[in-house]
Amino acid sequence: MAFEQRDMSGALFRNAKKETENHPSATGTAMIGGVLYYISSWTKTTKSGDKYQSLSFKRKDEVHKSGVNEAKKAIARSDFNDDIPF
């Protein structure tokens, strides 16, 4: 049986690829109001020493659209030579 994301739920997993403090401590996905989101989480410490999680959400469909648009811009900027040698 395949995994099905339920509305108003999500999951975070430790980021094994974290190399700097700017990289998230954990990443995952959530569905909120029928919309899928990427979640990023950073473990931070307050001045008093208490730990907490700072979260960031990005809509999956918007991330995909921006990636496609960036690829189209890169192709438009490039100097492709459409001549096919015979």
PDB file of N, CA and C in Angstrom:
ATOM      1  N   MET A   1       0.843  -1.183   0.000  1.00  0.00           N
ATOM      2  CA  MET A   1       0.000   0.000   0.000  1.00  0.00           C
ATOM      3  C   MET A   1       0.885   1.241   0.000  1.00  0.00           C
ATOM      4  N   ALA A   2       0.617   2.168  -0.882  1.00  0.00           N
ATOM      5  CA  ALA A   2       1.407   3.387  -1.010  1.00  0.00           C
ATOM      6  C   ALA A   2       1.048   4.371   0.097  1.00  0.00           C
ATOM      7  N   PHE A   3       2.031   5.195   0.462  1.00  0.00           N
ATOM      8  CA  PHE A   3       1.816   6.226   1.474  1.00  0.00           C
ATOM      9  C   PHE A   3       0.922   7.314   0.907  1.00  0.00           C
ATOM     10  N   GLU A   4      -0.057   7.739   1.686  1.00  0.00           N
ATOM     11  CA  GLU A   4      -0.944   8.825   1.271  1.00  0.00           C
ATOM     12  C   GLU A   4      -0.881   9.933   2.319  1.00  0.00           C
ATOM     13  N   GLN A   5      -0.510  11.120   1.887  1.00  0.00           N
ATOM     14  CA  GLN A   5      -0.418  12.264   2.800  1.00  0.00           C
ATOM     15  C   GLN A   5      -1.823  12.683   3.205  1.00  0.00           C
ATOM     16  N   ARG A   6      -2.068  12.781   4.502  1.00  0.00           N
ATOM     17  CA  ARG A   6      -3.368  13.208   5.008  1.00  0.00           C
ATOM     18  C   ARG A   6      -3.360  14.708   5.256  1.00  0.00           C
ATOM     19  N   ASP A   7      -4.537  15.316   5.116  1.00  0.00           N
ATOM     20  CA  ASP A   7      -4.657  16.751   5.321  1.00  0.00           C
ATOM     21  C   ASP A   7      -4.370  17.100   6.782  1.00  0.00           C
ATOM     22  N   MET A   8      -3.755  18.245   6.979  1.00  0.00           N
ATOM     23  CA  MET A   8      -3.399  18.783   8.300  1.00  0.00           C
ATOM     24  C   MET A   8      -2.397  17.892   9.043  1.00  0.00           C
ATOM     25  N   SER A   9      -1.497  17.253   8.265  1.00  0.00           N
ATOM     26  CA  SER A   9      -0.461  16.430   8.884  1.00  0.00           C
ATOM     27  C   SER A   9       0.816  16.530   8.061  1.00  0.00           C
ATOM     28  N   GLY A  10       1.900  16.121   8.677  1.00  0.00           N
ATOM     29  CA  GLY A  10       3.180  16.138   7.989  1.00  0.00           C
ATOM     30  C   GLY A  10       4.213  15.363   8.771  1.00  0.00           C
ATOM     31  N   ALA A  11       5.420  15.301   8.238  1.00  0.00           N
ATOM     32  CA  ALA A  11       6.509  14.584   8.896  1.00  0.00           C
ATOM     33  C   ALA A  11       7.829  15.267   8.581  1.00  0.00           C
ATOM     34  N   LEU A  12       8.714  15.275   9.569  1.00  0.00           N
ATOM     35  CA  LEU A  12      10.061  15.816   9.407  1.00  0.00           C
ATOM     36  C   LEU A  12      11.073  14.700   9.631  1.00  0.00           C
ATOM     37  N   PHE A  13      12.169  14.755   8.877  1.00  0.00           N
ATOM     38  CA  PHE A  13      13.236  13.772   8.997  1.00  0.00           C
ATOM     39  C   PHE A  13      14.562  14.503   9.122  1.00  0.00           C
ATOM     40  N   ARG A  14      15.463  13.964   9.919  1.00  0.00           N
ATOM     41  CA  ARG A  14      16.790  14.570  10.118  1.00  0.00           C
ATOM     42  C   ARG A  14      17.471  14.760   8.771  1.00  0.00           C
ATOM     43  N   ASN A  15      18.086  15.906   8.583  1.00  0.00           N
ATOM     44  CA  ASN A  15      18.786  16.231   7.343  1.00  0.00           C
ATOM     45  C   ASN A  15      20.214  15.689   7.433  1.00  0.00           C
ATOM     46  N   ALA A  16      20.455  14.529   6.840  1.00  0.00           N
ATOM     47  CA  ALA A  16      21.778  13.901   6.877  1.00  0.00           C
ATOM     48  C   ALA A  16      22.793  14.656   6.027  1.00  0.00           C
ATOM     49  N   LYS A  17      22.329  15.550   5.149  1.00  0.00           N
ATOM     50  CA  LYS A  17      23.220  16.307   4.261  1.00  0.00           C
ATOM     51  C   LYS A  17      23.587  17.684   4.813  1.00  0.00           C
ATOM     52  N   LYS A  18      23.223  17.977   6.051  1.00  0.00           N
ATOM     53  CA  LYS A  18      23.502  19.289   6.640  1.00  0.00           C
ATOM     54  C   LYS A  18      25.009  19.491   6.753  1.00  0.00           C
ATOM     55  N   GLU A  19      25.502  20.582   6.143  1.00  0.00           N
ATOM     56  CA  GLU A  19      26.931  20.883   6.170  1.00  0.00           C
ATOM     57  C   GLU A  19      27.244  22.189   6.889  1.00  0.00           C
ATOM     58  N   THR A  20      26.291  23.126   6.898  1.00  0.00           N
ATOM     59  CA  THR A  20      26.499  24.406   7.574  1.00  0.00           C
ATOM     60  C   THR A  20      25.292  24.708   8.456  1.00  0.00           C
ATOM     61  N   GLU A  21      25.416  25.707   9.313  1.00  0.00           N
ATOM     62  CA  GLU A  21      24.307  26.101  10.186  1.00  0.00           C
ATOM     63  C   GLU A  21      23.128  26.661   9.398  1.00  0.00           C
ATOM     64  N   ASN A  22      23.381  27.121   8.177  1.00  0.00           N
ATOM     65  CA  ASN A  22      22.293  27.651   7.343  1.00  0.00           C
ATOM     66  C   ASN A  22      21.415  26.542   6.777  1.00  0.00           C
ATOM     67  N   HIS A  23      21.937  25.334   6.671  1.00  0.00           N
ATOM     68  CA  HIS A  23      21.143  24.215   6.172  1.00  0.00           C
ATOM     69  C   HIS A  23      20.156  23.772   7.248  1.00  0.00           C
ATOM     70  N   PRO A  24      18.961  23.331   6.853  1.00  0.00           N
ATOM     71  CA  PRO A  24      17.980  22.908   7.854  1.00  0.00           C
ATOM     72  C   PRO A  24      18.434  21.662   8.615  1.00  0.00           C
ATOM     73  N   SER A  25      18.014  21.578   9.875  1.00  0.00           N
ATOM     74  CA  SER A  25      18.298  20.412  10.705  1.00  0.00           C
ATOM     75  C   SER A  25      17.433  19.230  10.289  1.00  0.00           C
ATOM     76  N   ALA A  26      16.229  19.531   9.793  1.00  0.00           N
ATOM     77  CA  ALA A  26      15.300  18.497   9.361  1.00  0.00           C
ATOM     78  C   ALA A  26      14.477  19.024   8.185  1.00  0.00           C
ATOM     79  N   THR A  27      14.015  18.117   7.335  1.00  0.00           N
ATOM     80  CA  THR A  27      13.167  18.476   6.197  1.00  0.00           C
ATOM     81  C   THR A  27      12.042  17.465   6.083  1.00  0.00           C
ATOM     82  N   GLY A  28      10.988  17.851   5.395  1.00  0.00           N
ATOM     83  CA  GLY A  28       9.874  16.940   5.207  1.00  0.00           C
ATOM     84  C   GLY A  28       8.768  17.592   4.403  1.00  0.00           C
ATOM     85  N   THR A  29       7.579  17.015   4.511  1.00  0.00           N
ATOM     86  CA  THR A  29       6.418  17.531   3.794  1.00  0.00           C
ATOM     87  C   THR A  29       5.209  17.561   4.714  1.00  0.00           C
ATOM     88  N   ALA A  30       4.236  18.381   4.330  1.00  0.00           N
ATOM     89  CA  ALA A  30       2.968  18.471   5.048  1.00  0.00           C
ATOM     90  C   ALA A  30       1.876  18.832   4.052  1.00  0.00           C
ATOM     91  N   MET A  31       0.658  18.447   4.377  1.00  0.00           N
ATOM     92  CA  MET A  31      -0.497  18.866   3.588  1.00  0.00           C
ATOM     93  C   MET A  31      -1.367  19.734   4.492  1.00  0.00           C
ATOM     94  N   ILE A  32      -1.618  20.953   4.034  1.00  0.00           N
ATOM     95  CA  ILE A  32      -2.428  21.897   4.796  1.00  0.00           C
ATOM     96  C   ILE A  32      -3.495  22.445   3.865  1.00  0.00           C
ATOM     97  N   GLY A  33      -4.735  22.212   4.200  1.00  0.00           N
ATOM     98  CA  GLY A  33      -5.837  22.688   3.365  1.00  0.00           C
ATOM     99  C   GLY A  33      -5.809  22.098   1.968  1.00  0.00           C
ATOM    100  N   GLY A  34      -5.334  20.858   1.832  1.00  0.00           N
ATOM    101  CA  GLY A  34      -5.288  20.193   0.536  1.00  0.00           C
ATOM    102  C   GLY A  34      -4.093  20.591  -0.324  1.00  0.00           C
ATOM    103  N   VAL A  35      -3.192  21.421   0.205  1.00  0.00           N
ATOM    104  CA  VAL A  35      -2.021  21.884  -0.536  1.00  0.00           C
ATOM    105  C   VAL A  35      -0.771  21.261   0.082  1.00  0.00           C
ATOM    106  N   LEU A  36       0.103  20.686  -0.764  1.00  0.00           N
ATOM    107  CA  LEU A  36       1.340  20.090  -0.280  1.00  0.00           C
ATOM    108  C   LEU A  36       2.421  21.145  -0.101  1.00  0.00           C
ATOM    109  N   TYR A  37       3.156  21.047   1.009  1.00  0.00           N
ATOM    110  CA  TYR A  37       4.233  21.970   1.334  1.00  0.00           C
ATOM    111  C   TYR A  37       5.511  21.199   1.645  1.00  0.00           C
ATOM    112  N   TYR A  38       6.663  21.808   1.305  1.00  0.00           N
ATOM    113  CA  TYR A  38       7.943  21.352   1.823  1.00  0.00           C
ATOM    114  C   TYR A  38       8.120  22.044   3.167  1.00  0.00           C
ATOM    115  N   ILE A  39       8.664  21.322   4.160  1.00  0.00           N
ATOM    116  CA  ILE A  39       8.944  21.906   5.466  1.00  0.00           C
ATOM    117  C   ILE A  39      10.450  21.838   5.701  1.00  0.00           C
ATOM    118  N   SER A  40      11.005  22.913   6.223  1.00  0.00           N
ATOM    119  CA  SER A  40      12.389  22.921   6.680  1.00  0.00           C
ATOM    120  C   SER A  40      12.370  23.360   8.135  1.00  0.00           C
ATOM    121  N   SER A  41      13.248  22.758   8.954  1.00  0.00           N
ATOM    122  CA  SER A  41      13.281  23.044  10.376  1.00  0.00           C
ATOM    123  C   SER A  41      14.723  23.255  10.826  1.00  0.00           C
ATOM    124  N   TRP A  42      14.943  24.289  11.634  1.00  0.00           N
ATOM    125  CA  TRP A  42      16.257  24.573  12.197  1.00  0.00           C
ATOM    126  C   TRP A  42      16.150  24.511  13.707  1.00  0.00           C
ATOM    127  N   THR A  43      17.056  23.773  14.364  1.00  0.00           N
ATOM    128  CA  THR A  43      17.108  23.736  15.820  1.00  0.00           C
ATOM    129  C   THR A  43      17.906  24.939  16.280  1.00  0.00           C
ATOM    130  N   LYS A  44      17.282  25.784  17.086  1.00  0.00           N
ATOM    131  CA  LYS A  44      17.926  27.012  17.562  1.00  0.00           C
ATOM    132  C   LYS A  44      17.903  27.043  19.085  1.00  0.00           C
ATOM    133  N   THR A  45      18.701  27.932  19.658  1.00  0.00           N
ATOM    134  CA  THR A  45      18.800  28.054  21.110  1.00  0.00           C
ATOM    135  C   THR A  45      18.552  29.507  21.506  1.00  0.00           C
ATOM    136  N   THR A  46      17.705  29.702  22.515  1.00  0.00           N
ATOM    137  CA  THR A  46      17.437  31.045  23.024  1.00  0.00           C
ATOM    138  C   THR A  46      18.615  31.504  23.878  1.00  0.00           C
ATOM    139  N   LYS A  47      18.622  32.773  24.243  1.00  0.00           N
ATOM    140  CA  LYS A  47      19.682  33.315  25.098  1.00  0.00           C
ATOM    141  C   LYS A  47      19.725  32.610  26.446  1.00  0.00           C
ATOM    142  N   SER A  48      18.564  32.134  26.918  1.00  0.00           N
ATOM    143  CA  SER A  48      18.516  31.443  28.212  1.00  0.00           C
ATOM    144  C   SER A  48      18.903  29.965  28.096  1.00  0.00           C
ATOM    145  N   GLY A  49      19.169  29.497  26.850  1.00  0.00           N
ATOM    146  CA  GLY A  49      19.614  28.110  26.668  1.00  0.00           C
ATOM    147  C   GLY A  49      18.525  27.126  26.272  1.00  0.00           C
ATOM    148  N   ASP A  50      17.287  27.594  26.164  1.00  0.00           N
ATOM    149  CA  ASP A  50      16.191  26.715  25.753  1.00  0.00           C
ATOM    150  C   ASP A  50      16.285  26.431  24.257  1.00  0.00           C
ATOM    151  N   LYS A  51      16.016  25.211  23.858  1.00  0.00           N
ATOM    152  CA  LYS A  51      16.035  24.837  22.439  1.00  0.00           C
ATOM    153  C   LYS A  51      14.625  24.940  21.869  1.00  0.00           C
ATOM    154  N   TYR A  52      14.555  25.326  20.586  1.00  0.00           N
ATOM    155  CA  TYR A  52      13.263  25.379  19.893  1.00  0.00           C
ATOM    156  C   TYR A  52      13.480  25.111  18.415  1.00  0.00           C
ATOM    157  N   GLN A  53      12.385  24.895  17.685  1.00  0.00           N
ATOM    158  CA  GLN A  53      12.422  24.635  16.255  1.00  0.00           C
ATOM    159  C   GLN A  53      11.866  25.835  15.509  1.00  0.00           C
ATOM    160  N   SER A  54      12.628  26.319  14.534  1.00  0.00           N
ATOM    161  CA  SER A  54      12.179  27.375  13.638  1.00  0.00           C
ATOM    162  C   SER A  54      11.769  26.685  12.332  1.00  0.00           C
ATOM    163  N   LEU A  55      10.572  26.975  11.835  1.00  0.00           N
ATOM    164  CA  LEU A  55      10.035  26.284  10.665  1.00  0.00           C
ATOM    165  C   LEU A  55       9.865  27.199   9.467  1.00  0.00           C
ATOM    166  N   SER A  56       9.998  26.613   8.283  1.00  0.00           N
ATOM    167  CA  SER A  56       9.756  27.306   7.027  1.00  0.00           C
ATOM    168  C   SER A  56       8.903  26.399   6.146  1.00  0.00           C
ATOM    169  N   PHE A  57       7.896  26.967   5.484  1.00  0.00           N
ATOM    170  CA  PHE A  57       7.013  26.207   4.593  1.00  0.00           C
ATOM    171  C   PHE A  57       7.076  26.805   3.192  1.00  0.00           C
ATOM    172  N   LYS A  58       7.187  25.942   2.186  1.00  0.00           N
ATOM    173  CA  LYS A  58       7.142  26.371   0.787  1.00  0.00           C
ATOM    174  C   LYS A  58       6.177  25.463   0.040  1.00  0.00           C
ATOM    175  N   ARG A  59       5.258  26.083  -0.710  1.00  0.00           N
ATOM    176  CA  ARG A  59       4.308  25.281  -1.494  1.00  0.00           C
ATOM    177  C   ARG A  59       5.069  24.495  -2.547  1.00  0.00           C
ATOM    178  N   LYS A  60       4.776  23.199  -2.638  1.00  0.00           N
ATOM    179  CA  LYS A  60       5.463  22.353  -3.621  1.00  0.00           C
ATOM    180  C   LYS A  60       5.189  22.811  -5.046  1.00  0.00           C
ATOM    181  N   ASP A  61       3.946  23.198  -5.345  1.00  0.00           N
ATOM    182  CA  ASP A  61       3.624  23.599  -6.708  1.00  0.00           C
ATOM    183  C   ASP A  61       4.346  24.884  -7.108  1.00  0.00           C
ATOM    184  N   GLU A  62       4.551  25.803  -6.177  1.00  0.00           N
ATOM    185  CA  GLU A  62       5.259  27.043  -6.493  1.00  0.00           C
ATOM    186  C   GLU A  62       6.753  26.801  -6.668  1.00  0.00           C
ATOM    187  N   VAL A  63       7.324  25.881  -5.899  1.00  0.00           N
ATOM    188  CA  VAL A  63       8.740  25.548  -6.055  1.00  0.00           C
ATOM    189  C   VAL A  63       8.960  24.942  -7.436  1.00  0.00           C
ATOM    190  N   HIS A  64       8.043  24.071  -7.855  1.00  0.00           N
ATOM    191  CA  HIS A  64       8.153  23.446  -9.171  1.00  0.00           C
ATOM    192  C   HIS A  64       8.043  24.496 -10.274  1.00  0.00           C
ATOM    193  N   LYS A  65       7.061  25.400 -10.156  1.00  0.00           N
ATOM    194  CA  LYS A  65       6.879  26.449 -11.170  1.00  0.00           C
ATOM    195  C   LYS A  65       8.111  27.331 -11.283  1.00  0.00           C
ATOM    196  N   SER A  66       8.684  27.724 -10.139  1.00  0.00           N
ATOM    197  CA  SER A  66       9.851  28.612 -10.191  1.00  0.00           C
ATOM    198  C   SER A  66      11.040  27.887 -10.812  1.00  0.00           C
ATOM    199  N   GLY A  67      11.180  26.584 -10.572  1.00  0.00           N
ATOM    200  CA  GLY A  67      12.258  25.818 -11.189  1.00  0.00           C
ATOM    201  C   GLY A  67      12.095  25.725 -12.688  1.00  0.00           C
ATOM    202  N   VAL A  68      10.882  25.503 -13.145  1.00  0.00           N
ATOM    203  CA  VAL A  68      10.607  25.438 -14.581  1.00  0.00           C
ATOM    204  C   VAL A  68      10.870  26.795 -15.221  1.00  0.00           C
ATOM    205  N   ASN A  69      10.422  27.875 -14.578  1.00  0.00           N
ATOM    206  CA  ASN A  69      10.641  29.220 -15.124  1.00  0.00           C
ATOM    207  C   ASN A  69      12.128  29.551 -15.199  1.00  0.00           C
ATOM    208  N   GLU A  70      12.901  29.169 -14.189  1.00  0.00           N
ATOM    209  CA  GLU A  70      14.348  29.419 -14.207  1.00  0.00           C
ATOM    210  C   GLU A  70      15.006  28.640 -15.338  1.00  0.00           C
ATOM    211  N   ALA A  71      14.572  27.413 -15.574  1.00  0.00           N
ATOM    212  CA  ALA A  71      15.134  26.611 -16.661  1.00  0.00           C
ATOM    213  C   ALA A  71      14.819  27.252 -18.012  1.00  0.00           C
ATOM    214  N   LYS A  72      13.592  27.749 -18.177  1.00  0.00           N
ATOM    215  CA  LYS A  72      13.227  28.407 -19.433  1.00  0.00           C
ATOM    216  C   LYS A  72      14.063  29.660 -19.658  1.00  0.00           C
ATOM    217  N   LYS A  73      14.312  30.428 -18.582  1.00  0.00           N
ATOM    218  CA  LYS A  73      15.135  31.632 -18.704  1.00  0.00           C
ATOM    219  C   LYS A  73      16.562  31.266 -19.088  1.00  0.00           C
ATOM    220  N   ALA A  74      17.091  30.203 -18.498  1.00  0.00           N
ATOM    221  CA  ALA A  74      18.463  29.776 -18.807  1.00  0.00           C
ATOM    222  C   ALA A  74      18.577  29.356 -20.264  1.00  0.00           C
ATOM    223  N   ILE A  75      17.570  28.657 -20.774  1.00  0.00           N
ATOM    224  CA  ILE A  75      17.584  28.237 -22.179  1.00  0.00           C
ATOM    225  C   ILE A  75      17.502  29.463 -23.087  1.00  0.00           C
ATOM    226  N   ALA A  76      16.670  30.433 -22.733  1.00  0.00           N
ATOM    227  CA  ALA A  76      16.527  31.649 -23.546  1.00  0.00           C
ATOM    228  C   ALA A  76      17.826  32.450 -23.569  1.00  0.00           C
ATOM    229  N   ARG A  77      18.594  32.429 -22.473  1.00  0.00           N
ATOM    230  CA  ARG A  77      19.853  33.177 -22.413  1.00  0.00           C
ATOM    231  C   ARG A  77      20.983  32.468 -23.145  1.00  0.00           C
ATOM    232  N   SER A  78      20.882  31.167 -23.326  1.00  0.00           N
ATOM    233  CA  SER A  78      21.999  30.416 -23.900  1.00  0.00           C
ATOM    234  C   SER A  78      22.097  30.630 -25.407  1.00  0.00           C
ATOM    235  N   ASP A  79      23.251  30.328 -25.952  1.00  0.00           N
ATOM    236  CA  ASP A  79      23.507  30.487 -27.386  1.00  0.00           C
ATOM    237  C   ASP A  79      23.481  29.115 -28.052  1.00  0.00           C
ATOM    238  N   PHE A  80      22.309  28.539 -28.125  1.00  0.00           N
ATOM    239  CA  PHE A  80      22.178  27.250 -28.808  1.00  0.00           C
ATOM    240  C   PHE A  80      22.333  27.452 -30.304  1.00  0.00           C
ATOM    241  N   ASN A  81      23.066  26.566 -30.907  1.00  0.00           N
ATOM    242  CA  ASN A  81      23.214  26.580 -32.350  1.00  0.00           C
ATOM    243  C   ASN A  81      22.307  25.476 -32.879  1.00  0.00           C
ATOM    244  N   ASP A  82      21.217  25.884 -33.514  1.00  0.00           N
ATOM    245  CA  ASP A  82      20.242  24.902 -33.996  1.00  0.00           C
ATOM    246  C   ASP A  82      20.642  24.231 -35.301  1.00  0.00           C
ATOM    247  N   ASP A  83      21.766  24.638 -35.878  1.00  0.00           N
ATOM    248  CA  ASP A  83      22.216  24.014 -37.118  1.00  0.00           C
ATOM    249  C   ASP A  83      22.674  22.596 -36.852  1.00  0.00           C
ATOM    250  N   ILE A  84      22.123  21.658 -37.563  1.00  0.00           N
ATOM    251  CA  ILE A  84      22.503  20.259 -37.437  1.00  0.00           C
ATOM    252  C   ILE A  84      23.456  19.935 -38.571  1.00  0.00           C
ATOM    253  N   PRO A  85      24.684  19.524 -38.230  1.00  0.00           N
ATOM    254  CA  PRO A  85      25.649  19.211 -39.295  1.00  0.00           C
ATOM    255  C   PRO A  85      25.242  17.934 -40.030  1.00  0.00           C
ATOM    256  N   PHE A  86      25.486  17.934 -41.344  1.00  0.00           N
ATOM    257  CA  PHE A  86      25.187  16.740 -42.158  1.00  0.00           C
ATOM    258  C   PHE A  86      26.462  16.114 -42.641  1.00  0.00           C
TER     259      PHE A  86
END
